[in-house]
Amino acid sequence: MARAVVLRQLTMAPRSRAQLAEKLATKNVPADVAEAVLDRFTDVGLIDDAAFADMLVRSRQQTKGLARRALAQDLRRKGVDDETARAALETVTGEDEEAAARALVRRKLRSTRGVEPAKRAQRLAAMLARKGYGAGLAYRVVRETLAEEGDVGGAGGGDDAVPEF
């Protein structure tokens, strides 16, 4: 039964060893049986936390634009150990993070047009903060992107309309 549970879980979506162990525990599989099944699946390469972490980091960073901080929390929540998570997070460079933040802000610009410039900047920075970006990077990216846009919140444009943080 334990093998069937693990196989079913892995066919639905990639999972970490900890997630699979948790699922087996909820199915009342004895700990020694669960450990043996998980060890066997790891030995044959069906469970690979490093590959899982790499895939998750790549996917979430590209599709959701998450910063390293948010990605680290996500990996921790999924039971990936710190060393494996750190190795996976090394693939995200500071340049990647900044580019993702800029893309997120640009995507959100249209929906914030017409909003008072300071409030618009706050909303954009808050959105980046929710994605795990640090305040310094968030405010800098927002300020620069709004300045590039020119027409900041319909307030007449120009750099003088870009709020300073």
Protein backbone atom coordinates (compact mmCIF):
# COMPACT_ATOMS: atom_id res chain seq x y z
CA MET A 1 0.00 0.00 0.00
CA ALA A 2 2.83 2.44 0.82
CA ARG A 3 4.37 2.02 -2.62
CA ALA A 4 1.01 2.72 -4.27
CA VAL A 5 0.53 5.89 -2.20
CA VAL A 6 3.98 7.20 -3.13
CA LEU A 7 3.54 6.34 -6.82
CA ARG A 8 0.13 8.04 -6.91
CA GLN A 9 1.56 11.17 -5.29
CA LEU A 10 4.50 11.30 -7.69
CA THR A 11 2.26 10.88 -10.75
CA MET A 12 0.16 13.88 -9.68
CA ALA A 13 3.09 16.26 -9.16
CA PRO A 14 6.74 16.27 -8.13
CA ARG A 15 7.10 15.99 -4.36
CA SER A 16 9.86 16.20 -1.79
CA ARG A 17 10.76 13.24 0.37
CA ALA A 18 9.32 15.06 3.41
CA GLN A 19 5.99 15.63 1.65
CA LEU A 20 5.78 11.95 0.75
CA ALA A 21 6.69 10.91 4.30
CA GLU A 22 3.96 13.19 5.63
CA LYS A 23 1.42 11.66 3.23
CA LEU A 24 2.39 8.15 4.30
CA ALA A 25 1.98 9.17 7.94
CA THR A 26 -1.55 10.45 7.25
CA LYS A 27 -2.32 7.03 5.73
CA ASN A 28 -1.12 5.38 8.98
CA VAL A 29 1.78 3.60 7.28
CA PRO A 30 4.24 2.38 9.94
CA ALA A 31 7.36 4.56 10.11
CA ASP A 32 9.77 1.71 9.33
CA VAL A 33 7.76 0.67 6.26
CA ALA A 34 7.51 4.28 5.07
CA GLU A 35 11.25 4.79 5.50
CA ALA A 36 12.04 1.60 3.56
CA VAL A 37 9.73 2.57 0.69
CA LEU A 38 11.10 6.12 0.55
CA ASP A 39 14.69 4.81 0.62
CA ARG A 40 13.94 2.46 -2.28
CA PHE A 41 12.31 5.21 -4.35
CA THR A 42 15.29 7.47 -3.60
CA ASP A 43 17.74 4.72 -4.63
CA VAL A 44 16.04 4.28 -8.02
CA GLY A 45 15.87 8.05 -8.56
CA LEU A 46 12.12 8.58 -8.29
CA ILE A 47 12.61 10.78 -5.22
CA ASP A 48 15.30 13.43 -5.65
CA ASP A 49 15.01 16.48 -3.41
CA ALA A 50 17.80 18.33 -5.24
CA ALA A 51 16.05 17.96 -8.61
CA PHE A 52 12.72 18.83 -6.98
CA ALA A 53 14.19 21.99 -5.43
CA ASP A 54 15.85 23.06 -8.70
CA MET A 55 12.61 22.56 -10.61
CA LEU A 56 10.54 24.42 -8.03
CA VAL A 57 12.94 27.38 -7.89
CA ARG A 58 13.13 27.67 -11.68
CA SER A 59 9.38 27.33 -12.12
CA ARG A 60 8.24 29.68 -9.35
CA GLN A 61 10.85 32.30 -10.16
CA GLN A 62 9.85 32.39 -13.82
CA THR A 63 6.08 32.06 -13.52
CA LYS A 64 5.36 33.92 -10.28
CA GLY A 65 8.43 36.15 -10.14
CA LEU A 66 9.22 35.13 -6.58
CA ALA A 67 12.37 36.45 -4.92
CA ARG A 68 14.92 34.16 -3.25
CA ARG A 69 13.44 34.87 0.18
CA ALA A 70 9.97 33.68 -0.87
CA LEU A 71 11.44 30.71 -2.73
CA ALA A 72 13.41 29.69 0.39
CA GLN A 73 10.22 29.79 2.46
CA ASP A 74 8.42 27.71 -0.15
CA LEU A 75 11.18 25.08 -0.13
CA ARG A 76 11.20 25.00 3.67
CA ARG A 77 7.41 24.55 3.71
CA LYS A 78 7.79 21.60 1.36
CA GLY A 79 10.36 19.96 3.63
CA VAL A 80 13.51 20.52 1.58
CA ASP A 81 16.57 20.67 3.85
CA ASP A 82 18.52 23.93 4.10
CA GLU A 83 21.63 22.73 2.26
CA THR A 84 19.62 21.45 -0.72
CA ALA A 85 17.54 24.64 -0.76
CA ARG A 86 20.65 26.82 -0.65
CA ALA A 87 22.14 24.95 -3.63
CA ALA A 88 18.94 25.38 -5.65
CA LEU A 89 18.67 29.07 -4.76
CA GLU A 90 22.22 29.74 -5.99
CA THR A 91 20.87 29.45 -9.53
CA VAL A 92 18.90 32.69 -9.03
CA THR A 93 21.28 35.62 -9.45
CA GLY A 94 20.75 39.17 -8.27
CA GLU A 95 20.30 40.17 -11.91
CA ASP A 96 17.59 37.51 -12.35
CA GLU A 97 15.84 38.78 -9.26
CA GLU A 98 15.95 42.40 -10.39
CA ALA A 99 14.74 41.50 -13.89
CA ALA A 100 11.82 39.56 -12.43
CA ALA A 101 10.93 42.48 -10.15
CA ARG A 102 10.97 44.88 -13.11
CA ALA A 103 8.78 42.54 -15.15
CA LEU A 104 6.28 42.28 -12.29
CA VAL A 105 6.11 46.07 -11.91
CA ARG A 106 5.69 46.60 -15.66
CA ARG A 107 2.87 44.04 -15.73
CA LYS A 108 1.10 45.84 -12.91
CA LEU A 109 1.56 49.38 -14.29
CA ARG A 110 -1.56 49.38 -16.47
CA SER A 111 -3.89 48.44 -13.62
CA THR A 112 -2.50 51.26 -11.47
CA ARG A 113 -2.82 54.06 -14.03
CA GLY A 114 -4.83 56.97 -12.71
CA VAL A 115 -3.85 56.25 -9.12
CA GLU A 116 -2.14 59.08 -7.24
CA PRO A 117 1.67 58.68 -7.76
CA ALA A 118 2.68 58.09 -4.13
CA LYS A 119 -0.12 55.58 -3.59
CA ARG A 120 0.72 53.89 -6.89
CA ALA A 121 4.36 53.53 -5.88
CA GLN A 122 3.35 52.15 -2.48
CA ARG A 123 1.06 49.56 -4.08
CA LEU A 124 3.75 48.43 -6.49
CA ALA A 125 6.38 48.20 -3.74
CA ALA A 126 3.95 46.28 -1.51
CA MET A 127 3.29 43.82 -4.34
CA LEU A 128 7.04 43.20 -4.62
CA ALA A 129 7.33 42.81 -0.84
CA ARG A 130 4.63 40.11 -0.94
CA LYS A 131 6.73 38.30 -3.53
CA GLY A 132 9.71 38.32 -1.15
CA TYR A 133 11.72 41.27 -2.47
CA GLY A 134 13.64 43.46 -0.03
CA ALA A 135 12.49 47.04 0.49
CA GLY A 136 15.60 48.61 -1.05
CA LEU A 137 15.32 46.69 -4.31
CA ALA A 138 11.53 47.08 -4.43
CA TYR A 139 11.55 50.86 -4.02
CA ARG A 140 14.45 51.32 -6.43
CA VAL A 141 12.81 49.20 -9.15
CA VAL A 142 9.44 50.94 -8.66
CA ARG A 143 11.00 54.40 -8.74
CA GLU A 144 13.06 53.64 -11.87
CA THR A 145 10.19 51.93 -13.68
CA LEU A 146 7.78 54.77 -12.95
CA ALA A 147 10.38 57.28 -14.14
CA GLU A 148 10.86 55.30 -17.37
CA GLU A 149 7.10 55.26 -17.91
CA GLY A 150 7.07 59.06 -17.97
CA ASP A 151 3.37 59.55 -17.27
CA VAL A 152 3.42 58.71 -13.59
CA GLY A 153 -0.14 58.07 -12.50
CA GLY A 154 -1.46 60.71 -14.88
CA ALA A 155 0.12 63.43 -12.74
CA GLY A 156 1.68 65.31 -15.62
CA GLY A 157 4.71 63.04 -16.05
CA GLY A 158 8.32 63.95 -15.57
CA ASP A 159 10.74 62.91 -12.86
CA ASP A 160 9.27 65.42 -10.42
CA ALA A 161 6.09 63.28 -10.31
CA VAL A 162 8.04 60.20 -9.21
CA PRO A 163 7.77 59.94 -5.44
CA GLU A 164 10.94 59.64 -3.41
CA PHE A 165 10.92 56.97 -0.71
